[in-house]
Amino acid sequence: MSDTGGSRGEIQVSPEEARFLRRFFRLQALPWMVVIAALSIAAARWSAPVVVGSAEVEQQLSEAVAAIDALRSENAALRAALDAESKRVQAALDRRVGAVEGRVAAVEKRSATPGARVGDEVAARVARLEERVAAANGAHETLTRSNLARLRDVEARLSGLEGPSGSAVPAAPMP
């Protein structure tokens, strides 16, 4: 046997064995290594993101900015609509409360006159009117809470779109 390597850790093989091993490697292992390398390259190219040209990036960025501006204007419109609805509901509630108070005052005035007596029917009617006023107040508060929750949801979605670099200036003041 001849020594083909100079260091102590190498395997000692004859020239015929070396030719056999080289030929065996070329015929058996090399094709598999080429296939594995080709598959690795294909997988890397398939999974890599497509490089977009700067014009496309600018277009996507301008579309995103336009969408954010549209959401801001929608947010401002929702705030204005919520304020207007709140004022309208409050005015209607004030009118109804005034009417009920006037009716209660009229019933109390009639009951204070001599000869008039307050019966169970009048007391029940006053109680029903007071319940309706309380229900109207509760409905107004529920409507306001619901609209404020929807507004907070829209603001959260807007801040999610803006990300951490969002504008520090709010779209409209809180009601």
C-alpha atoms as a PDB file:
ATOM      1  CA  MET A   1       0.000   0.000   0.000  1.00  0.00           C
ATOM      2  CA  SER A   2       1.226   3.386  -0.857  1.00  0.00           C
ATOM      3  CA  ASP A   3       0.914   6.503   1.285  1.00  0.00           C
ATOM      4  CA  THR A   4      -1.245   9.111  -0.533  1.00  0.00           C
ATOM      5  CA  GLY A   5      -1.540  11.527   2.370  1.00  0.00           C
ATOM      6  CA  GLY A   6       1.084  13.223   4.452  1.00  0.00           C
ATOM      7  CA  SER A   7      -0.675  13.804   7.753  1.00  0.00           C
ATOM      8  CA  ARG A   8      -1.328  11.177  10.335  1.00  0.00           C
ATOM      9  CA  GLY A   9      -5.174  11.576  10.384  1.00  0.00           C
ATOM     10  CA  GLU A  10      -5.675  10.666   6.701  1.00  0.00           C
ATOM     11  CA  ILE A  11      -6.712   7.230   5.514  1.00  0.00           C
ATOM     12  CA  GLN A  12      -4.018   5.198   3.734  1.00  0.00           C
ATOM     13  CA  VAL A  13      -5.354   3.997   0.348  1.00  0.00           C
ATOM     14  CA  SER A  14      -3.762   2.603  -2.764  1.00  0.00           C
ATOM     15  CA  PRO A  15      -3.965   4.502  -6.087  1.00  0.00           C
ATOM     16  CA  GLU A  16      -6.518   1.943  -7.381  1.00  0.00           C
ATOM     17  CA  GLU A  17      -8.675   2.450  -4.315  1.00  0.00           C
ATOM     18  CA  ALA A  18      -8.401   6.233  -4.679  1.00  0.00           C
ATOM     19  CA  ARG A  19      -9.548   6.012  -8.342  1.00  0.00           C
ATOM     20  CA  PHE A  20     -12.436   3.743  -7.303  1.00  0.00           C
ATOM     21  CA  LEU A  21     -13.533   6.117  -4.526  1.00  0.00           C
ATOM     22  CA  ARG A  22     -13.365   9.171  -6.826  1.00  0.00           C
ATOM     23  CA  ARG A  23     -15.346   7.364  -9.544  1.00  0.00           C
ATOM     24  CA  PHE A  24     -17.879   6.043  -6.998  1.00  0.00           C
ATOM     25  CA  PHE A  25     -18.326   9.531  -5.535  1.00  0.00           C
ATOM     26  CA  ARG A  26     -18.846  11.075  -9.011  1.00  0.00           C
ATOM     27  CA  LEU A  27     -21.361   8.430 -10.006  1.00  0.00           C
ATOM     28  CA  GLN A  28     -23.301   8.020  -6.760  1.00  0.00           C
ATOM     29  CA  ALA A  29     -22.994  11.010  -4.391  1.00  0.00           C
ATOM     30  CA  LEU A  30     -22.325  13.941  -6.721  1.00  0.00           C
ATOM     31  CA  PRO A  31     -25.703  13.774  -8.536  1.00  0.00           C
ATOM     32  CA  TRP A  32     -27.506  13.812  -5.190  1.00  0.00           C
ATOM     33  CA  MET A  33     -25.464  16.764  -3.983  1.00  0.00           C
ATOM     34  CA  VAL A  34     -26.278  18.669  -7.206  1.00  0.00           C
ATOM     35  CA  VAL A  35     -30.009  17.912  -6.797  1.00  0.00           C
ATOM     36  CA  ILE A  36     -29.965  19.023  -3.147  1.00  0.00           C
ATOM     37  CA  ALA A  37     -28.081  22.221  -4.059  1.00  0.00           C
ATOM     38  CA  ALA A  38     -30.554  22.994  -6.870  1.00  0.00           C
ATOM     39  CA  LEU A  39     -33.526  22.401  -4.547  1.00  0.00           C
ATOM     40  CA  SER A  40     -31.942  24.655  -1.906  1.00  0.00           C
ATOM     41  CA  ILE A  41     -31.427  27.442  -4.427  1.00  0.00           C
ATOM     42  CA  ALA A  42     -34.992  27.065  -5.740  1.00  0.00           C
ATOM     43  CA  ALA A  43     -36.415  27.132  -2.213  1.00  0.00           C
ATOM     44  CA  ALA A  44     -34.378  30.222  -1.345  1.00  0.00           C
ATOM     45  CA  ARG A  45     -35.581  32.031  -4.467  1.00  0.00           C
ATOM     46  CA  TRP A  46     -39.180  30.955  -3.920  1.00  0.00           C
ATOM     47  CA  SER A  47     -39.252  32.119  -0.299  1.00  0.00           C
ATOM     48  CA  ALA A  48     -37.374  35.395  -0.842  1.00  0.00           C
ATOM     49  CA  PRO A  49     -39.563  38.488  -1.151  1.00  0.00           C
ATOM     50  CA  VAL A  50     -39.843  40.094  -4.546  1.00  0.00           C
ATOM     51  CA  VAL A  51     -37.867  43.292  -4.810  1.00  0.00           C
ATOM     52  CA  VAL A  52     -40.253  46.054  -5.749  1.00  0.00           C
ATOM     53  CA  GLY A  53     -39.154  49.042  -7.753  1.00  0.00           C
ATOM     54  CA  SER A  54     -39.060  52.424  -6.062  1.00  0.00           C
ATOM     55  CA  ALA A  55     -41.957  53.709  -8.195  1.00  0.00           C
ATOM     56  CA  GLU A  56     -44.197  50.890  -6.938  1.00  0.00           C
ATOM     57  CA  VAL A  57     -43.135  51.515  -3.345  1.00  0.00           C
ATOM     58  CA  GLU A  58     -43.916  55.217  -3.711  1.00  0.00           C
ATOM     59  CA  GLN A  59     -47.324  54.392  -5.186  1.00  0.00           C
ATOM     60  CA  GLN A  60     -48.152  51.981  -2.343  1.00  0.00           C
ATOM     61  CA  LEU A  61     -46.965  54.536   0.196  1.00  0.00           C
ATOM     62  CA  SER A  62     -49.112  57.292  -1.327  1.00  0.00           C
ATOM     63  CA  GLU A  63     -52.131  54.935  -1.342  1.00  0.00           C
ATOM     64  CA  ALA A  64     -51.539  54.146   2.344  1.00  0.00           C
ATOM     65  CA  VAL A  65     -51.268  57.853   3.198  1.00  0.00           C
ATOM     66  CA  ALA A  66     -54.492  58.538   1.271  1.00  0.00           C
ATOM     67  CA  ALA A  67     -56.259  55.738   3.177  1.00  0.00           C
ATOM     68  CA  ILE A  68     -55.057  57.161   6.501  1.00  0.00           C
ATOM     69  CA  ASP A  69     -56.232  60.658   5.512  1.00  0.00           C
ATOM     70  CA  ALA A  70     -59.630  59.236   4.543  1.00  0.00           C
ATOM     71  CA  LEU A  71     -59.886  57.517   7.930  1.00  0.00           C
ATOM     72  CA  ARG A  72     -58.969  60.758   9.673  1.00  0.00           C
ATOM     73  CA  SER A  73     -61.666  62.679   7.828  1.00  0.00           C
ATOM     74  CA  GLU A  74     -64.165  59.887   8.572  1.00  0.00           C
ATOM     75  CA  ASN A  75     -63.149  60.059  12.235  1.00  0.00           C
ATOM     76  CA  ALA A  76     -63.720  63.834  12.279  1.00  0.00           C
ATOM     77  CA  ALA A  77     -67.103  63.384  10.576  1.00  0.00           C
ATOM     78  CA  LEU A  78     -68.083  60.726  13.123  1.00  0.00           C
ATOM     79  CA  ARG A  79     -67.120  63.036  15.961  1.00  0.00           C
ATOM     80  CA  ALA A  80     -69.189  65.868  14.475  1.00  0.00           C
ATOM     81  CA  ALA A  81     -72.161  63.548  13.930  1.00  0.00           C
ATOM     82  CA  LEU A  82     -71.851  62.235  17.480  1.00  0.00           C
ATOM     83  CA  ASP A  83     -71.798  65.787  18.875  1.00  0.00           C
ATOM     84  CA  ALA A  84     -74.831  66.788  16.791  1.00  0.00           C
ATOM     85  CA  GLU A  85     -76.754  63.651  17.792  1.00  0.00           C
ATOM     86  CA  SER A  86     -75.858  64.170  21.434  1.00  0.00           C
ATOM     87  CA  LYS A  87     -77.146  67.763  21.313  1.00  0.00           C
ATOM     88  CA  ARG A  88     -80.328  66.689  19.535  1.00  0.00           C
ATOM     89  CA  VAL A  89     -81.022  63.903  22.043  1.00  0.00           C
ATOM     90  CA  GLN A  90     -80.267  66.210  24.962  1.00  0.00           C
ATOM     91  CA  ALA A  91     -82.649  68.873  23.607  1.00  0.00           C
ATOM     92  CA  ALA A  92     -85.425  66.300  23.114  1.00  0.00           C
ATOM     93  CA  LEU A  93     -84.795  64.927  26.594  1.00  0.00           C
ATOM     94  CA  ASP A  94     -84.953  68.423  28.080  1.00  0.00           C
ATOM     95  CA  ARG A  95     -88.288  69.062  26.307  1.00  0.00           C
ATOM     96  CA  ARG A  96     -89.744  65.782  27.601  1.00  0.00           C
ATOM     97  CA  VAL A  97     -88.503  66.407  31.143  1.00  0.00           C
ATOM     98  CA  GLY A  98     -89.982  69.929  31.029  1.00  0.00           C
ATOM     99  CA  ALA A  99     -93.319  68.555  29.828  1.00  0.00           C
ATOM    100  CA  VAL A 100     -93.367  65.909  32.557  1.00  0.00           C
ATOM    101  CA  GLU A 101     -92.430  68.432  35.220  1.00  0.00           C
ATOM    102  CA  GLY A 102     -95.231  70.697  33.982  1.00  0.00           C
ATOM    103  CA  ARG A 103     -97.731  67.836  34.171  1.00  0.00           C
ATOM    104  CA  VAL A 104     -96.516  66.880  37.640  1.00  0.00           C
ATOM    105  CA  ALA A 105     -96.785  70.518  38.754  1.00  0.00           C
ATOM    106  CA  ALA A 106    -100.343  70.690  37.375  1.00  0.00           C
ATOM    107  CA  VAL A 107    -101.288  67.491  39.251  1.00  0.00           C
ATOM    108  CA  GLU A 108     -99.725  68.812  42.439  1.00  0.00           C
ATOM    109  CA  LYS A 109    -101.517  72.138  41.998  1.00  0.00           C
ATOM    110  CA  ARG A 110    -104.858  70.363  41.532  1.00  0.00           C
ATOM    111  CA  SER A 111    -104.226  68.247  44.585  1.00  0.00           C
ATOM    112  CA  ALA A 112    -103.409  71.328  46.642  1.00  0.00           C
ATOM    113  CA  THR A 113    -106.742  73.001  45.919  1.00  0.00           C
ATOM    114  CA  PRO A 114    -109.505  72.423  48.418  1.00  0.00           C
ATOM    115  CA  GLY A 115    -111.889  69.670  47.584  1.00  0.00           C
ATOM    116  CA  ALA A 116    -109.489  67.884  45.253  1.00  0.00           C
ATOM    117  CA  ARG A 117    -107.862  64.757  46.428  1.00  0.00           C
ATOM    118  CA  VAL A 118    -104.975  62.830  45.067  1.00  0.00           C
ATOM    119  CA  GLY A 119    -106.104  59.328  44.341  1.00  0.00           C
ATOM    120  CA  ASP A 120    -104.157  56.210  43.702  1.00  0.00           C
ATOM    121  CA  GLU A 121    -104.658  56.700  39.965  1.00  0.00           C
ATOM    122  CA  VAL A 122    -102.901  60.087  39.950  1.00  0.00           C
ATOM    123  CA  ALA A 123    -100.033  58.787  42.069  1.00  0.00           C
ATOM    124  CA  ALA A 124     -99.632  55.807  39.712  1.00  0.00           C
ATOM    125  CA  ARG A 125     -99.639  58.138  36.711  1.00  0.00           C
ATOM    126  CA  VAL A 126     -96.942  60.313  38.279  1.00  0.00           C
ATOM    127  CA  ALA A 127     -94.881  57.193  39.006  1.00  0.00           C
ATOM    128  CA  ARG A 128     -95.251  56.034  35.378  1.00  0.00           C
ATOM    129  CA  LEU A 129     -94.145  59.441  34.119  1.00  0.00           C
ATOM    130  CA  GLU A 130     -91.114  59.372  36.394  1.00  0.00           C
ATOM    131  CA  GLU A 131     -90.235  55.879  35.109  1.00  0.00           C
ATOM    132  CA  ARG A 132     -90.479  57.077  31.496  1.00  0.00           C
ATOM    133  CA  VAL A 133     -88.158  60.002  32.279  1.00  0.00           C
ATOM    134  CA  ALA A 134     -85.669  57.622  33.881  1.00  0.00           C
ATOM    135  CA  ALA A 135     -85.899  55.261  30.892  1.00  0.00           C
ATOM    136  CA  ALA A 136     -85.294  58.153  28.491  1.00  0.00           C
ATOM    137  CA  ASN A 137     -82.213  59.163  30.483  1.00  0.00           C
ATOM    138  CA  GLY A 138     -80.968  55.562  30.447  1.00  0.00           C
ATOM    139  CA  ALA A 139     -81.504  55.273  26.681  1.00  0.00           C
ATOM    140  CA  HIS A 140     -79.570  58.501  26.108  1.00  0.00           C
ATOM    141  CA  GLU A 141     -76.680  57.279  28.259  1.00  0.00           C
ATOM    142  CA  THR A 142     -76.664  53.892  26.488  1.00  0.00           C
ATOM    143  CA  LEU A 143     -76.631  55.574  23.068  1.00  0.00           C
ATOM    144  CA  THR A 144     -73.798  57.868  24.103  1.00  0.00           C
ATOM    145  CA  ARG A 145     -71.737  54.957  25.548  1.00  0.00           C
ATOM    146  CA  SER A 146     -72.326  52.898  22.395  1.00  0.00           C
ATOM    147  CA  ASN A 147     -71.235  55.708  20.089  1.00  0.00           C
ATOM    148  CA  LEU A 148     -68.175  56.450  22.217  1.00  0.00           C
ATOM    149  CA  ALA A 149     -67.189  52.770  22.133  1.00  0.00           C
ATOM    150  CA  ARG A 150     -67.529  52.733  18.343  1.00  0.00           C
ATOM    151  CA  LEU A 151     -65.458  55.908  18.123  1.00  0.00           C
ATOM    152  CA  ARG A 152     -62.730  54.384  20.336  1.00  0.00           C
ATOM    153  CA  ASP A 153     -62.726  51.310  18.088  1.00  0.00           C
ATOM    154  CA  VAL A 154     -62.258  53.447  14.973  1.00  0.00           C
ATOM    155  CA  GLU A 155     -59.475  55.401  16.688  1.00  0.00           C
ATOM    156  CA  ALA A 156     -57.740  52.150  17.693  1.00  0.00           C
ATOM    157  CA  ARG A 157     -57.958  50.886  14.124  1.00  0.00           C
ATOM    158  CA  LEU A 158     -56.579  54.197  12.872  1.00  0.00           C
ATOM    159  CA  SER A 159     -53.674  54.130  15.312  1.00  0.00           C
ATOM    160  CA  GLY A 160     -52.993  50.533  14.264  1.00  0.00           C
ATOM    161  CA  LEU A 161     -52.734  51.691  10.645  1.00  0.00           C
ATOM    162  CA  GLU A 162     -50.534  54.637  11.543  1.00  0.00           C
ATOM    163  CA  GLY A 163     -48.166  52.517  13.603  1.00  0.00           C
ATOM    164  CA  PRO A 164     -45.677  53.971  16.101  1.00  0.00           C
ATOM    165  CA  SER A 165     -44.755  56.832  13.743  1.00  0.00           C
ATOM    166  CA  GLY A 166     -48.315  58.189  13.659  1.00  0.00           C
ATOM    167  CA  SER A 167     -49.138  61.843  13.846  1.00  0.00           C
ATOM    168  CA  ALA A 168     -49.155  63.438  17.292  1.00  0.00           C
ATOM    169  CA  VAL A 169     -51.994  65.784  16.262  1.00  0.00           C
ATOM    170  CA  PRO A 170     -55.456  64.252  16.869  1.00  0.00           C
ATOM    171  CA  ALA A 171     -58.022  64.376  14.066  1.00  0.00           C
ATOM    172  CA  ALA A 172     -60.610  66.154  16.229  1.00  0.00           C
ATOM    173  CA  PRO A 173     -60.990  66.962  19.941  1.00  0.00           C
ATOM    174  CA  MET A 174     -62.695  64.413  22.177  1.00  0.00           C
ATOM    175  CA  PRO A 175     -66.309  65.296  23.034  1.00  0.00           C
END
